[in-house]
C-alpha atoms as a PDB file:
ATOM      1  CA  UNK A   1      -3.447  92.688  95.433  1.00  0.00           C
ATOM      2  CA  UNK A   2      -6.711  93.772  96.862  1.00  0.00           C
ATOM      3  CA  UNK A   3      -9.835  92.422  95.744  1.00  0.00           C
ATOM      4  CA  UNK A   4     -12.114  95.601  94.578  1.00  0.00           C
ATOM      5  CA  UNK A   5     -15.270  93.799  94.178  1.00  0.00           C
ATOM      6  CA  UNK A   6     -18.239  94.967  96.198  1.00  0.00           C
ATOM      7  CA  UNK A   7     -21.372  93.348  96.844  1.00  0.00           C
ATOM      8  CA  UNK A   8     -24.184  95.668  96.118  1.00  0.00           C
ATOM      9  CA  UNK A   9     -27.395  95.215  98.164  1.00  0.00           C
ATOM     10  CA  UNK A  10     -30.657  97.092  97.645  1.00  0.00           C
ATOM     11  CA  UNK A  11     -32.688  97.838 100.652  1.00  0.00           C
ATOM     12  CA  UNK A  12     -36.453  98.486 100.107  1.00  0.00           C
ATOM     13  CA  UNK A  13     -37.219 101.741 101.671  1.00  0.00           C
ATOM     14  CA  UNK A  14     -39.437 101.480 104.671  1.00  0.00           C
ATOM     15  CA  UNK A  15     -42.959 102.903 103.839  1.00  0.00           C
ATOM     16  CA  UNK A  16     -43.712 104.724 107.018  1.00  0.00           C
ATOM     17  CA  UNK A  17     -47.352 104.806 107.884  1.00  0.00           C
ATOM     18  CA  UNK A  18     -48.322 108.450 108.854  1.00  0.00           C
ATOM     19  CA  UNK A  19     -50.187 108.828 111.968  1.00  0.00           C
ATOM     20  CA  UNK A  20     -50.197 104.920 112.711  1.00  0.00           C
ATOM     21  CA  UNK A  21     -52.940 105.719 115.325  1.00  0.00           C
ATOM     22  CA  UNK A  22     -55.268 107.494 112.818  1.00  0.00           C
ATOM     23  CA  UNK A  23     -58.155 105.254 111.575  1.00  0.00           C
ATOM     24  CA  UNK A  24     -59.365 105.739 108.013  1.00  0.00           C
ATOM     25  CA  UNK A  25     -62.911 106.761 109.159  1.00  0.00           C
ATOM     26  CA  UNK A  26     -60.950 109.684 111.226  1.00  0.00           C
ATOM     27  CA  UNK A  27     -59.389 111.121 107.958  1.00  0.00           C
ATOM     28  CA  UNK A  28     -61.210 114.496 106.972  1.00  0.00           C
ATOM     29  CA  UNK A  29     -62.905 114.881 103.885  1.00  0.00           C
ATOM     30  CA  UNK A  30     -60.669 115.988 100.997  1.00  0.00           C
ATOM     31  CA  UNK A  31     -57.584 114.273 102.553  1.00  0.00           C
ATOM     32  CA  UNK A  32     -56.175 111.283 100.935  1.00  0.00           C
ATOM     33  CA  UNK A  33     -53.086 108.953 101.100  1.00  0.00           C
ATOM     34  CA  UNK A  34     -50.658 110.002  98.328  1.00  0.00           C
ATOM     35  CA  UNK A  35     -47.260 108.737  97.421  1.00  0.00           C
ATOM     36  CA  UNK A  36     -44.529 111.507  96.756  1.00  0.00           C
ATOM     37  CA  UNK A  37     -42.002 111.274  93.910  1.00  0.00           C
ATOM     38  CA  UNK A  38     -39.365 110.050  96.624  1.00  0.00           C
ATOM     39  CA  UNK A  39     -41.607 107.152  97.484  1.00  0.00           C
ATOM     40  CA  UNK A  40     -42.721 108.403 100.875  1.00  0.00           C
ATOM     41  CA  UNK A  41     -46.425 107.958 101.517  1.00  0.00           C
ATOM     42  CA  UNK A  42     -48.243 110.581 103.262  1.00  0.00           C
ATOM     43  CA  UNK A  43     -51.678 112.196 103.942  1.00  0.00           C
ATOM     44  CA  UNK A  44     -52.294 115.343 101.751  1.00  0.00           C
ATOM     45  CA  UNK A  45     -55.202 117.447 100.459  1.00  0.00           C
ATOM     46  CA  UNK A  46     -55.945 116.622  96.831  1.00  0.00           C
ATOM     47  CA  UNK A  47     -57.169 119.004  94.468  1.00  0.00           C
ATOM     48  CA  UNK A  48     -60.872 118.616  93.739  1.00  0.00           C
ATOM     49  CA  UNK A  49     -61.891 118.078  90.179  1.00  0.00           C
ATOM     50  CA  UNK A  50     -63.885 121.030  89.218  1.00  0.00           C
ATOM     51  CA  UNK A  51     -67.396 120.211  88.115  1.00  0.00           C
ATOM     52  CA  UNK A  52     -67.817 120.601  84.165  1.00  0.00           C
ATOM     53  CA  UNK A  53     -68.671 124.223  83.171  1.00  0.00           C
ATOM     54  CA  UNK A  54     -72.358 124.541  82.177  1.00  0.00           C
ATOM     55  CA  UNK A  55     -72.675 124.674  78.461  1.00  0.00           C
ATOM     56  CA  UNK A  56     -72.767 128.040  76.957  1.00  0.00           C
ATOM     57  CA  UNK A  57     -76.207 128.745  75.587  1.00  0.00           C
ATOM     58  CA  UNK A  58     -76.084 129.312  71.954  1.00  0.00           C
ATOM     59  CA  UNK A  59     -78.222 131.881  70.434  1.00  0.00           C
ATOM     60  CA  UNK A  60     -81.231 130.361  68.648  1.00  0.00           C
ATOM     61  CA  UNK A  61     -82.658 131.763  65.450  1.00  0.00           C
ATOM     62  CA  UNK A  62     -86.148 133.389  65.771  1.00  0.00           C
ATOM     63  CA  UNK A  63     -88.641 130.984  64.287  1.00  0.00           C
ATOM     64  CA  UNK A  64     -90.294 132.290  61.126  1.00  0.00           C
ATOM     65  CA  UNK A  65     -93.957 132.011  62.606  1.00  0.00           C
ATOM     66  CA  UNK A  66     -92.694 134.413  65.344  1.00  0.00           C
ATOM     67  CA  UNK A  67     -91.490 137.021  62.865  1.00  0.00           C
ATOM     68  CA  UNK A  68     -94.682 136.744  60.839  1.00  0.00           C
ATOM     69  CA  UNK A  69     -96.747 137.060  63.832  1.00  0.00           C
ATOM     70  CA  UNK A  70     -94.711 140.153  65.045  1.00  0.00           C
ATOM     71  CA  UNK A  71     -94.879 141.744  61.661  1.00  0.00           C
ATOM     72  CA  UNK A  72     -98.753 141.200  61.536  1.00  0.00           C
ATOM     73  CA  UNK A  73     -99.636 142.450  64.804  1.00  0.00           C
ATOM     74  CA  UNK A  74     -99.255 146.094  64.073  1.00  0.00           C
ATOM     75  CA  UNK A  75    -101.169 145.561  60.768  1.00  0.00           C
ATOM     76  CA  UNK A  76    -104.082 143.822  62.380  1.00  0.00           C
ATOM     77  CA  UNK A  77    -104.356 146.482  65.172  1.00  0.00           C
ATOM     78  CA  UNK A  78    -104.213 149.277  62.645  1.00  0.00           C
ATOM     79  CA  UNK A  79    -106.926 147.687  60.631  1.00  0.00           C
ATOM     80  CA  UNK A  80    -109.177 147.237  63.610  1.00  0.00           C
ATOM     81  CA  UNK A  81    -108.695 150.885  64.639  1.00  0.00           C
ATOM     82  CA  UNK A  82    -109.422 152.017  61.223  1.00  0.00           C
ATOM     83  CA  UNK A  83    -112.630 150.035  61.210  1.00  0.00           C
ATOM     84  CA  UNK A  84    -113.651 151.573  64.426  1.00  0.00           C
ATOM     85  CA  UNK A  85    -113.019 155.064  63.310  1.00  0.00           C
ATOM     86  CA  UNK A  86    -114.980 154.232  60.058  1.00  0.00           C
ATOM     87  CA  UNK A  87    -118.017 152.905  62.095  1.00  0.00           C
ATOM     88  CA  UNK A  88    -117.949 155.856  64.171  1.00  0.00           C
ATOM     89  CA  UNK A  89    -118.309 158.078  61.231  1.00  0.00           C
ATOM     90  CA  UNK A  90    -120.837 155.709  59.727  1.00  0.00           C
ATOM     91  CA  UNK A  91    -122.991 155.413  62.744  1.00  0.00           C
ATOM     92  CA  UNK A  92    -125.581 158.208  62.090  1.00  0.00           C
ATOM     93  CA  UNK A  93    -126.151 156.702  58.519  1.00  0.00           C
ATOM     94  CA  UNK A  94    -126.336 153.222  59.966  1.00  0.00           C
ATOM     95  CA  UNK A  95    -128.921 154.239  62.360  1.00  0.00           C
ATOM     96  CA  UNK A  96    -130.971 155.972  59.365  1.00  0.00           C
ATOM     97  CA  UNK A  97    -130.687 152.865  57.363  1.00  0.00           C
ATOM     98  CA  UNK A  98    -131.829 150.533  60.241  1.00  0.00           C
ATOM     99  CA  UNK A  99    -134.869 152.968  60.880  1.00  0.00           C
ATOM    100  CA  UNK A 100    -135.669 152.650  57.046  1.00  0.00           C
ATOM    101  CA  UNK A 101    -135.431 148.804  57.140  1.00  0.00           C
ATOM    102  CA  UNK A 102    -137.753 148.814  60.071  1.00  0.00           C
ATOM    103  CA  UNK A 103    -140.041 151.054  58.211  1.00  0.00           C
ATOM    104  CA  UNK A 104    -139.859 148.630  55.255  1.00  0.00           C
ATOM    105  CA  UNK A 105    -140.552 145.656  57.340  1.00  0.00           C
ATOM    106  CA  UNK A 106    -143.635 147.396  58.884  1.00  0.00           C
ATOM    107  CA  UNK A 107    -144.733 148.175  55.244  1.00  0.00           C
ATOM    108  CA  UNK A 108    -144.572 144.831  54.105  1.00  0.00           C
ATOM    109  CA  UNK A 109    -146.370 143.343  57.249  1.00  0.00           C
ATOM    110  CA  UNK A 110    -149.201 145.903  56.774  1.00  0.00           C
ATOM    111  CA  UNK A 111    -149.401 145.033  53.112  1.00  0.00           C
ATOM    112  CA  UNK A 112    -149.486 141.300  54.038  1.00  0.00           C
ATOM    113  CA  UNK A 113    -152.288 141.885  56.351  1.00  0.00           C
ATOM    114  CA  UNK A 114    -154.042 144.774  54.650  1.00  0.00           C
ATOM    115  CA  UNK A 115    -154.211 143.754  51.104  1.00  0.00           C
ATOM    116  CA  UNK A 116    -156.078 140.431  51.645  1.00  0.00           C
ATOM    117  CA  UNK A 117    -158.568 142.538  53.874  1.00  0.00           C
ATOM    118  CA  UNK A 118    -159.159 144.983  51.211  1.00  0.00           C
ATOM    119  CA  UNK A 119    -159.715 142.050  48.550  1.00  0.00           C
ATOM    120  CA  UNK A 120    -162.417 140.603  50.923  1.00  0.00           C
ATOM    121  CA  UNK A 121    -164.190 144.002  51.376  1.00  0.00           C
ATOM    122  CA  UNK A 122    -164.024 144.459  47.547  1.00  0.00           C
ATOM    123  CA  UNK A 123    -165.505 140.838  46.781  1.00  0.00           C
ATOM    124  CA  UNK A 124    -168.360 141.256  49.344  1.00  0.00           C
ATOM    125  CA  UNK A 125    -169.539 144.846  47.926  1.00  0.00           C
ATOM    126  CA  UNK A 126    -169.633 143.737  44.188  1.00  0.00           C
ATOM    127  CA  UNK A 127    -171.137 140.385  44.996  1.00  0.00           C
ATOM    128  CA  UNK A 128    -174.618 141.931  45.586  1.00  0.00           C
ATOM    129  CA  UNK A 129    -174.729 143.822  42.153  1.00  0.00           C
ATOM    130  CA  UNK A 130    -173.878 141.021  39.963  1.00  0.00           C
ATOM    131  CA  UNK A 131    -170.817 140.836  37.635  1.00  0.00           C
ATOM    132  CA  UNK A 132    -170.226 142.443  34.245  1.00  0.00           C
ATOM    133  CA  UNK A 133    -169.244 140.116  31.254  1.00  0.00           C
ATOM    134  CA  UNK A 134    -167.266 141.369  28.180  1.00  0.00           C
ATOM    135  CA  UNK A 135    -167.060 139.456  25.054  1.00  0.00           C
ATOM    136  CA  UNK A 136    -164.652 140.480  22.289  1.00  0.00           C
ATOM    137  CA  UNK A 137    -164.590 139.110  18.656  1.00  0.00           C
ATOM    138  CA  UNK A 138    -161.556 140.199  16.676  1.00  0.00           C
ATOM    139  CA  UNK A 139    -161.030 139.073  13.195  1.00  0.00           C
ATOM    140  CA  UNK A 140    -158.292 139.831  10.632  1.00  0.00           C
ATOM    141  CA  UNK A 141    -157.621 138.780   7.090  1.00  0.00           C
ATOM    142  CA  UNK A 142    -154.188 138.016   5.847  1.00  0.00           C
ATOM    143  CA  UNK A 143    -150.935 138.458   7.725  1.00  0.00           C
ATOM    144  CA  UNK A 144    -150.819 142.118   7.583  1.00  0.00           C
ATOM    145  CA  UNK A 145    -154.386 142.711   7.181  1.00  0.00           C
ATOM    146  CA  UNK A 146    -156.312 145.206   9.408  1.00  0.00           C
ATOM    147  CA  UNK A 147    -158.157 143.719  12.465  1.00  0.00           C
ATOM    148  CA  UNK A 148    -161.657 144.622  13.331  1.00  0.00           C
ATOM    149  CA  UNK A 149    -163.711 143.753  16.376  1.00  0.00           C
ATOM    150  CA  UNK A 150    -166.559 144.138  18.465  1.00  0.00           C
ATOM    151  CA  UNK A 151    -167.243 144.278  22.356  1.00  0.00           C
ATOM    152  CA  UNK A 152    -170.494 143.111  23.762  1.00  0.00           C
ATOM    153  CA  UNK A 153    -171.423 144.079  27.318  1.00  0.00           C
ATOM    154  CA  UNK A 154    -174.004 141.885  29.227  1.00  0.00           C
END
């Protein structure tokens, strides 16, 4: 009979070098040596990994101090405007009050200078005549008694 046994040999596939005359420095950017599913090695463009997407900005809540400032701004502006209007209406009265205050200051200054001068003048005119002395004697008897007195001029 026949012998039906076969000897199985495995051959390693020859790995062809693509473009054997191409140096590694001559390979253009983006081209790499890849191995295909069939075992063949070849040059191919590879997919570039996309850079990571920038993070999506998340809406930040508005700080409390900013809300407070934004709410107070019209109030403060309105108050300043009201004060300006009030001062414009009060200006004539304020001018009259300042005039009266300056008059009072002038009166006080005149009194501070004039009163001592009048007192000096009064002393010098009465010094030549002499001075009057008055003596009083008052007597009373008991807690609720009638008081009597005498006045002596010298």
